[in-house]
Structure formats: structure tokens, C-alpha cells
Protein backbone atom coordinates (compact mmCIF):
# COMPACT_ATOMS: atom_id res chain seq x y z
CA MET A 1 50.19 -7.91 -46.29
CA LYS A 2 50.09 -5.42 -49.17
CA VAL A 3 47.36 -5.84 -51.79
CA SER A 4 47.90 -4.50 -55.32
CA ILE A 5 44.79 -3.74 -57.37
CA ILE A 6 45.25 -3.24 -61.11
CA THR A 7 42.82 -1.33 -63.32
CA GLY A 8 43.14 -1.01 -67.07
CA THR A 9 41.50 2.06 -68.59
CA TYR A 10 40.76 3.43 -72.03
CA ASN A 11 38.28 6.27 -72.48
CA SER A 12 36.79 5.31 -69.13
CA GLU A 13 35.65 8.71 -67.86
CA LYS A 14 32.00 7.68 -67.44
CA TYR A 15 32.45 5.06 -64.71
CA ILE A 16 36.08 5.17 -63.50
CA GLY A 17 35.01 7.34 -60.55
CA ASP A 18 32.96 4.50 -59.05
CA CYS A 19 35.92 2.14 -59.38
CA LEU A 20 38.30 4.61 -57.73
CA SER A 21 35.90 5.41 -54.90
CA SER A 22 35.18 1.76 -54.09
CA ILE A 23 38.91 1.13 -53.62
CA PHE A 24 39.45 4.36 -51.71
CA MET A 25 36.65 3.42 -49.27
CA GLN A 26 38.04 -0.02 -48.42
CA ASP A 27 38.64 -0.49 -44.71
CA TYR A 28 41.94 -2.31 -45.33
CA PRO A 29 44.90 0.11 -45.06
CA ASP A 30 47.68 -1.46 -47.14
CA ILE A 31 46.38 -1.12 -50.72
CA GLU A 32 48.33 -0.15 -53.83
CA HIS A 33 46.17 0.85 -56.80
CA ILE A 34 47.88 0.76 -60.20
CA ILE A 35 46.20 2.21 -63.29
CA ILE A 36 47.37 1.28 -66.77
CA ASP A 37 45.77 3.59 -69.32
CA GLY A 38 45.89 2.99 -73.06
CA SER A 39 46.35 6.68 -73.98
CA SER A 40 42.74 7.70 -73.39
CA LYS A 41 41.39 10.49 -75.58
CA ASP A 42 38.68 11.57 -73.13
CA ARG A 43 38.81 12.94 -69.56
CA THR A 44 39.83 9.65 -67.90
CA LEU A 45 43.12 10.97 -66.52
CA LYS A 46 41.47 14.17 -65.24
CA VAL A 47 38.78 12.17 -63.46
CA ILE A 48 41.47 10.04 -61.81
CA LYS A 49 43.34 13.17 -60.70
CA ASN A 50 40.20 14.82 -59.32
CA THR A 51 38.72 11.81 -57.47
CA LYS A 52 39.84 10.71 -54.02
CA ASN A 53 41.84 7.56 -54.59
CA ARG A 54 44.67 5.30 -53.49
CA VAL A 55 46.40 5.36 -56.85
CA SER A 56 50.15 4.95 -56.51
CA LYS A 57 51.04 4.61 -60.21
CA VAL A 58 49.44 5.75 -63.46
CA ILE A 59 50.98 4.61 -66.73
CA SER A 60 49.38 6.12 -69.85
CA GLU A 61 50.71 4.85 -73.16
CA PRO A 62 49.49 2.85 -76.17
CA ASP A 63 49.04 -0.85 -75.48
CA GLU A 64 47.86 -4.03 -77.16
CA GLY A 65 44.55 -4.26 -75.29
CA ILE A 66 43.21 -4.89 -71.82
CA TYR A 67 45.24 -8.03 -71.11
CA ASP A 68 48.47 -6.33 -72.12
CA ALA A 69 47.54 -3.56 -69.65
CA MET A 70 46.90 -6.13 -66.92
CA ASN A 71 50.30 -7.74 -67.55
CA LYS A 72 52.01 -4.35 -67.24
CA GLY A 73 50.26 -3.81 -63.92
CA ILE A 74 51.23 -7.24 -62.61
CA ARG A 75 54.89 -6.58 -63.42
CA LEU A 76 54.75 -3.26 -61.54
CA ALA A 77 52.85 -4.59 -58.51
CA GLN A 78 54.61 -4.59 -55.15
CA GLY A 79 51.88 -6.40 -53.24
CA GLU A 80 51.94 -9.99 -52.07
CA ILE A 81 48.34 -10.31 -53.29
CA ILE A 82 47.09 -9.07 -56.68
CA GLY A 83 43.51 -8.32 -57.65
CA ILE A 84 42.19 -6.88 -60.91
CA LEU A 85 39.22 -4.51 -61.02
CA ASN A 86 37.91 -3.28 -64.37
CA SER A 87 37.28 0.42 -64.81
CA ASP A 88 33.49 -0.05 -65.12
CA ASP A 89 33.25 -2.25 -62.01
CA PHE A 90 33.39 -1.59 -58.29
CA TYR A 91 33.58 -3.50 -55.02
CA ASN A 92 30.29 -4.47 -53.44
CA SER A 93 31.22 -3.32 -49.94
CA ASN A 94 33.97 -1.48 -48.08
CA SER A 95 35.25 -4.67 -46.45
CA VAL A 96 36.02 -6.77 -49.55
CA ILE A 97 39.82 -6.44 -49.35
CA SER A 98 40.02 -7.00 -45.59
CA THR A 99 37.83 -10.10 -46.00
CA VAL A 100 40.08 -11.40 -48.77
CA VAL A 101 43.27 -10.81 -46.75
CA LYS A 102 41.79 -12.61 -43.74
CA ALA A 103 40.87 -15.56 -45.98
CA PHE A 104 44.41 -15.74 -47.40
CA LYS A 105 45.90 -15.80 -43.91
CA GLU A 106 43.48 -18.43 -42.61
CA SER A 107 43.49 -20.74 -45.64
CA GLN A 108 47.08 -20.35 -46.87
CA ALA A 109 45.54 -20.51 -50.35
CA ASP A 110 47.25 -19.41 -53.56
CA CYS A 111 44.06 -17.78 -54.86
CA ILE A 112 40.78 -16.58 -53.36
CA TYR A 113 37.57 -15.94 -55.27
CA GLY A 114 33.93 -15.16 -54.50
CA ASN A 115 30.67 -14.11 -56.14
CA LEU A 116 29.79 -11.30 -58.54
CA TYR A 117 26.66 -9.28 -59.28
CA TYR A 118 25.85 -8.08 -62.80
CA VAL A 119 24.10 -4.72 -62.58
CA LYS A 120 22.42 -2.21 -64.87
CA PRO A 121 25.04 0.14 -66.33
CA ASP A 122 23.35 3.38 -65.28
CA ASP A 123 21.67 2.07 -62.12
CA PRO A 124 24.11 -0.30 -60.40
CA SER A 125 21.75 -0.71 -57.45
CA VAL A 126 19.69 -3.00 -59.74
CA VAL A 127 21.07 -6.55 -59.84
CA VAL A 128 20.31 -8.33 -63.13
CA ARG A 129 22.27 -11.56 -62.67
CA LYS A 130 24.21 -13.20 -59.84
CA TRP A 131 27.35 -15.22 -60.51
CA VAL A 132 27.50 -17.61 -57.53
CA THR A 133 30.75 -19.44 -58.21
CA GLY A 134 30.80 -22.19 -55.59
CA PRO A 135 33.87 -24.12 -54.48
CA TYR A 136 36.16 -25.84 -56.98
CA ASN A 137 35.40 -29.51 -57.66
CA GLU A 138 38.34 -31.22 -59.36
CA LYS A 139 36.11 -33.96 -60.81
CA TYR A 140 34.00 -31.47 -62.79
CA GLY A 141 35.54 -27.99 -62.74
CA PHE A 142 36.04 -25.96 -65.89
CA ARG A 143 34.93 -28.73 -68.26
CA TRP A 144 31.45 -28.54 -66.77
CA GLY A 145 31.10 -24.78 -67.20
CA TRP A 146 32.46 -23.79 -63.78
CA HIS A 147 35.06 -21.08 -63.33
CA PRO A 148 35.55 -18.12 -60.99
CA ALA A 149 34.34 -14.62 -61.80
CA HIS A 150 37.63 -13.01 -62.74
CA PRO A 151 37.07 -9.62 -61.00
CA SER A 152 36.67 -11.59 -57.75
CA PHE A 153 39.88 -13.57 -58.36
CA PHE A 154 42.76 -12.61 -56.06
CA VAL A 155 46.13 -14.32 -56.56
CA ARG A 156 49.48 -14.36 -54.79
CA LYS A 157 52.05 -12.56 -56.90
CA ASP A 158 54.44 -15.50 -56.75
CA VAL A 159 51.86 -17.59 -58.64
CA TYR A 160 52.08 -15.14 -61.56
CA GLU A 161 55.86 -15.23 -61.32
CA LYS A 162 55.88 -19.03 -61.39
CA TYR A 163 53.15 -19.79 -63.95
CA GLY A 164 52.97 -16.67 -66.12
CA CYS A 165 50.59 -13.82 -66.87
CA PHE A 166 47.81 -13.32 -69.44
CA GLN A 167 48.12 -14.70 -72.97
CA THR A 168 47.41 -11.60 -75.03
CA ASP A 169 46.49 -13.54 -78.19
CA HIS A 170 43.20 -14.28 -76.39
CA LYS A 171 41.14 -11.14 -76.98
CA ILE A 172 38.20 -11.62 -74.56
CA SER A 173 38.94 -14.85 -72.67
CA ALA A 174 42.55 -14.56 -71.51
CA ASP A 175 41.23 -14.41 -67.95
CA PHE A 176 39.55 -17.82 -68.48
CA GLU A 177 42.79 -19.27 -69.85
CA LEU A 178 44.81 -17.91 -66.95
CA MET A 179 42.45 -19.30 -64.30
CA LEU A 180 42.27 -22.65 -66.12
CA ARG A 181 46.07 -22.78 -66.24
CA PHE A 182 46.51 -21.92 -62.57
CA ILE A 183 43.72 -24.09 -61.13
CA GLU A 184 43.44 -27.12 -63.42
CA ARG A 185 46.87 -27.44 -64.98
CA PHE A 186 49.12 -26.39 -62.11
CA LYS A 187 46.72 -27.25 -59.27
CA VAL A 188 47.23 -24.11 -57.18
CA LYS A 189 45.41 -24.15 -53.86
CA THR A 190 42.06 -22.37 -54.02
CA SER A 191 39.62 -21.03 -51.44
CA TYR A 192 36.07 -19.87 -52.13
CA LEU A 193 34.34 -17.09 -50.22
CA GLU A 194 30.54 -17.28 -50.38
CA TYR A 195 30.45 -13.53 -50.55
CA PRO A 196 29.47 -10.95 -53.22
CA MET A 197 32.72 -9.14 -53.95
CA VAL A 198 32.15 -7.13 -57.13
CA ARG A 199 29.38 -5.34 -59.03
CA MET A 200 29.96 -5.53 -62.78
CA ARG A 201 28.09 -3.37 -65.26
CA LEU A 202 26.57 -5.36 -68.12
CA GLY A 203 27.85 -4.54 -71.58
CA GLY A 204 31.59 -5.28 -71.40
CA GLU A 205 33.62 -7.18 -73.98
CA SER A 206 32.73 -10.60 -72.56
CA SER A 207 29.00 -9.96 -72.04
CA SER A 208 27.91 -8.09 -75.15
CA GLY A 209 25.89 -10.48 -77.32
CA LEU A 210 26.09 -13.47 -79.65
CA LYS A 211 29.32 -12.41 -81.34
CA SER A 212 31.22 -12.24 -78.05
CA HIS A 213 29.68 -15.57 -77.01
CA PHE A 214 30.96 -17.20 -80.23
CA ILE A 215 34.43 -15.70 -79.83
CA GLY A 216 34.46 -16.67 -76.16
CA ASN A 217 33.62 -20.30 -76.97
CA LYS A 218 36.35 -20.43 -79.59
CA GLU A 219 38.93 -18.97 -77.21
CA CYS A 220 37.88 -21.30 -74.37
CA TYR A 221 38.45 -24.30 -76.65
CA ARG A 222 41.89 -22.93 -77.47
CA ALA A 223 42.60 -22.48 -73.75
CA PHE A 224 41.84 -26.15 -73.04
CA LYS A 225 44.08 -27.29 -75.91
CA ARG A 226 46.85 -24.91 -74.91
CA ASN A 227 46.94 -26.48 -71.44
CA ASN A 228 46.51 -30.10 -72.64
CA ILE A 229 43.19 -30.52 -70.85
CA PRO A 230 40.58 -32.72 -72.59
CA ILE A 231 37.46 -30.88 -73.80
CA PRO A 232 34.08 -32.65 -73.59
CA TRP A 233 31.86 -32.47 -76.68
CA PHE A 234 29.08 -30.91 -74.59
CA TYR A 235 31.18 -27.98 -73.32
CA PRO A 236 29.28 -25.28 -75.30
CA ILE A 237 26.01 -26.56 -73.81
CA VAL A 238 27.18 -26.48 -70.19
CA ARG A 239 28.76 -23.08 -70.75
CA VAL A 240 25.39 -21.67 -71.81
CA GLY A 241 23.74 -23.48 -68.91
CA SER A 242 26.09 -21.92 -66.39
CA LYS A 243 25.18 -18.43 -67.68
CA LEU A 244 21.45 -19.18 -67.59
CA ASN A 245 21.86 -20.35 -64.00
CA GLN A 246 23.03 -16.84 -63.10
CA TYR A 247 19.54 -15.56 -63.89
CA PHE A 248 17.94 -18.26 -61.74
CA ASN A 249 20.23 -17.26 -58.85
CA HIS A 250 18.95 -13.69 -59.17
């Protein structure tokens, strides 16, 4: 079972090495790593070339943002399973992919997801927050502030082919819309691994202050409407509560 991992890059020289190394060190043999670069102006491409990796394709050209890059990677992917790892992030252990593949085979799920650690940007050994996702509960789900951590979200390629890729008019929450569409609208079969899959450096587009929180809320509302899913009036409150809970899990 081939696994395709897609990484979008743009001026990512500072941390891309950690991402590359964490994929290279995985104990699962059949991995395809695809990098979609938005015409970086720094040393990103040189770092990729000079770091041990499993990169099978590098596309470097102007794009319309990170979700456009992800869509390009999905279209190129040859694997039965697709995962997306941001250039600043890395897998928490060398057995993440083998654990995911085993879970797919045992559960026959359409998507697998687990937990995520937020870490200090320049000292990723320090965990600041823990995103403990928990299993999907259809009664509550997204409307109550639950959703998977996207870097831990692995999906069968035929799900993308059937239900579509990322909506690029969402600038920071297209991953939320995609997971909402797959899980709540089209009811794909899910399986949760109570397992820390990814370490994410704080400071990305979706975790960088009040402005991103406001934009994220607005885009999440649009995602619900786009998929004809009712939105409770208290959604902004539970969304904040779910993020605060990550600190209590720490």
C-alpha cells in the first residue's frame, strides 16, 4: 500500500529539513513524497536537494497559495493513501506511517486521524499545547468544536476523487471545509488513533493571533453553509473552548 505525502513550500529553508528528515526516517518502505513549491526565493530547493529524503517529485512554480499547492500534489499522487505534512512540521516518531497503514488495513476506514503536539518554533522538544482529537461523534461533531488536526488526517485517494479537493477561496480554513465535507456531509468512514502523529510549530497561518482567529471563524461559517449543515449560534464559543482545552491537555 503506497502512501503519498504532500508538502507545500514557499521560502521554507529554515525548517524544511526537519520535515524531510522525519519522512526519510519512517520505518514504512513504500512512501512517495511530493513537494509543491511556490517559486521560493530563498534556499528551499537547495536544502531539499542536500538533505536525505524520499522526494519523488518537486514542482516549483507560482501558485495561488498553500491549498492550491496541496491540490496539485493530490492530482500527482500515485499512492492509495494521501497525507499532507506542512513544511514547518514533522512526524512525532519514525513509525507514524506504518501505524497509519496498519490502521487502514484493520479498520477499512476511508480516513485515519490522530493527535498533534504544538511545539516551540525553535525548540520543538518543548510541547506547548496538545490537540487530542478523540473519536468522531455524529451527534455533536464539528458543530461542537470538534474536528481532526489536519496534519494527522490521512485519506484514501479515491475519497478525493469522489468528493473533491480543497476549496481555494478559503484562505486559512480550507482544510476544515474539506474535513467537514468528507466526514459530516458525505459520511466517509473514520477511524481515530489515540496517538501523537505530528509536531507542529506554533506561528503558522491558522495559529497566529486574533486576526487569524476572526478569519478562521468567518471561513468556518462559510464552510457549514457551503455544505448545507446547520450552524449553532454558540459555535464561536465552543470553537474557542476546544482550543483552550488543548492547553489543559498539556
